[in-house]
Protein backbone atom coordinates (compact mmCIF):
# COMPACT_ATOMS: atom_id res chain seq x y z
CA MET A 1 109.31 96.55 78.56
CA SER A 2 111.05 97.78 81.65
CA LEU A 3 110.18 100.76 83.80
CA THR A 4 112.49 103.56 84.82
CA ILE A 5 113.18 104.13 88.51
CA ILE A 6 110.62 106.95 88.59
CA GLU A 7 108.02 104.87 86.74
CA ARG A 8 108.54 102.00 89.20
CA ARG A 9 108.17 104.34 92.17
CA ASN A 10 105.01 105.89 90.73
CA THR A 11 103.49 102.51 89.83
CA LYS A 12 104.09 101.19 93.35
CA LYS A 13 102.44 104.30 94.81
CA GLU A 14 99.49 103.98 92.45
CA LEU A 15 98.93 100.31 93.24
CA ALA A 16 99.19 101.00 96.98
CA ALA A 17 96.77 103.93 96.75
CA ASN A 18 94.16 101.86 94.94
CA PHE A 19 94.72 98.94 97.29
CA ASN A 20 94.04 101.24 100.24
CA LEU A 21 91.06 102.82 98.49
CA ALA A 22 89.59 99.36 97.86
CA GLY A 23 89.86 98.61 101.57
CA VAL A 24 90.82 94.97 101.10
CA THR A 25 93.33 93.21 103.30
CA LEU A 26 96.37 91.36 102.03
CA GLU A 27 94.71 88.16 103.23
CA GLN A 28 91.47 88.84 101.32
CA ALA A 29 93.32 89.82 98.15
CA ALA A 30 95.48 86.70 98.45
CA GLN A 31 92.43 84.48 98.83
CA ASP A 32 90.68 86.13 95.89
CA LEU A 33 93.79 85.89 93.72
CA ALA A 34 94.67 82.31 94.75
CA THR A 35 98.02 83.17 96.28
CA THR A 36 99.61 84.19 99.57
CA PRO A 37 99.58 87.57 101.33
CA GLU A 38 103.35 87.69 100.88
CA HIS A 39 102.97 87.31 97.13
CA VAL A 40 100.38 90.10 96.98
CA GLU A 41 102.78 92.32 98.95
CA ALA A 42 105.60 91.43 96.54
CA VAL A 43 103.44 92.42 93.57
CA LEU A 44 102.57 95.71 95.28
CA GLN A 45 106.34 96.29 95.48
CA LEU A 46 106.78 95.20 91.83
CA GLN A 47 108.90 92.25 92.88
CA VAL A 48 107.31 89.93 90.36
CA ASP A 49 108.10 86.69 88.62
CA GLN A 50 105.91 87.54 85.65
CA ILE A 51 105.41 90.94 84.06
CA GLU A 52 101.65 90.35 83.96
CA GLU A 53 101.27 90.23 87.75
CA PRO A 54 100.87 93.99 88.32
CA TRP A 55 98.19 94.00 85.62
CA ILE A 56 96.36 91.16 87.37
CA LEU A 57 96.46 93.07 90.65
CA ARG A 58 95.37 96.28 88.91
CA ASN A 59 92.37 94.52 87.36
CA TYR A 60 91.46 92.97 90.71
CA LEU A 61 91.61 96.33 92.46
CA ASN A 62 89.61 98.00 89.70
CA LYS A 63 86.88 95.34 90.07
CA GLN A 64 86.84 95.74 93.84
CA LEU A 65 86.50 99.50 93.51
CA ALA A 66 83.78 99.25 90.87
CA ALA A 67 81.79 96.92 93.12
CA GLN A 68 81.94 99.63 95.79
CA GLY A 69 80.90 102.35 93.36
CA LYS A 70 84.36 103.93 93.51
CA THR A 71 86.59 105.07 90.67
CA PRO A 72 90.19 103.84 90.69
CA LEU A 73 92.87 106.47 91.01
CA PRO A 74 94.67 106.84 87.67
CA TYR A 75 97.68 104.77 86.74
CA SER A 76 100.57 106.26 84.84
CA ARG A 77 101.86 103.00 83.32
CA LEU A 78 99.20 100.35 84.00
CA GLN A 79 96.67 102.02 81.78
CA ASP A 80 94.65 100.99 78.76
CA ASP A 81 93.74 97.46 77.85
CA PRO A 82 96.65 95.05 78.36
CA ALA A 83 95.89 93.61 74.92
CA VAL A 84 97.43 96.69 73.28
CA HIS A 85 100.80 95.66 74.71
CA TRP A 86 102.18 92.91 72.50
CA PHE A 87 104.58 91.67 75.17
CA LEU A 88 101.88 90.79 77.73
CA ASN A 89 100.25 87.37 78.01
CA THR A 90 96.62 88.46 78.03
CA ASP A 91 95.39 84.90 78.68
CA LEU A 92 97.34 84.89 81.94
CA ILE A 93 95.94 88.30 82.88
CA ALA A 94 92.39 87.19 82.07
CA LYS A 95 92.67 84.26 84.51
CA GLY A 96 92.99 86.80 87.32
CA ARG A 97 95.20 84.63 89.51
CA LEU A 98 98.62 85.32 90.99
CA ASN A 99 99.59 81.71 91.59
């Protein structure tokens, strides 16, 4: 499934907003997700190698926010359980790593 230009723009804004709300640094997110800060930044910009990567970042941010007692801002496309999307590798998402 591919996103339209508007959907891509909105998804990038939504990821960035939740990243900022979570208050994590690129370095901390990279360490937690077993990758580099540059890779986390690329995923925030939807420059991904695997379609599951934004979902992995979304789940990470949602967990960070929940641990702080915060509610994630809503997502327009990265919503619901990834398992409802037949084209996603849910095993990869469940690992929670961007490496």
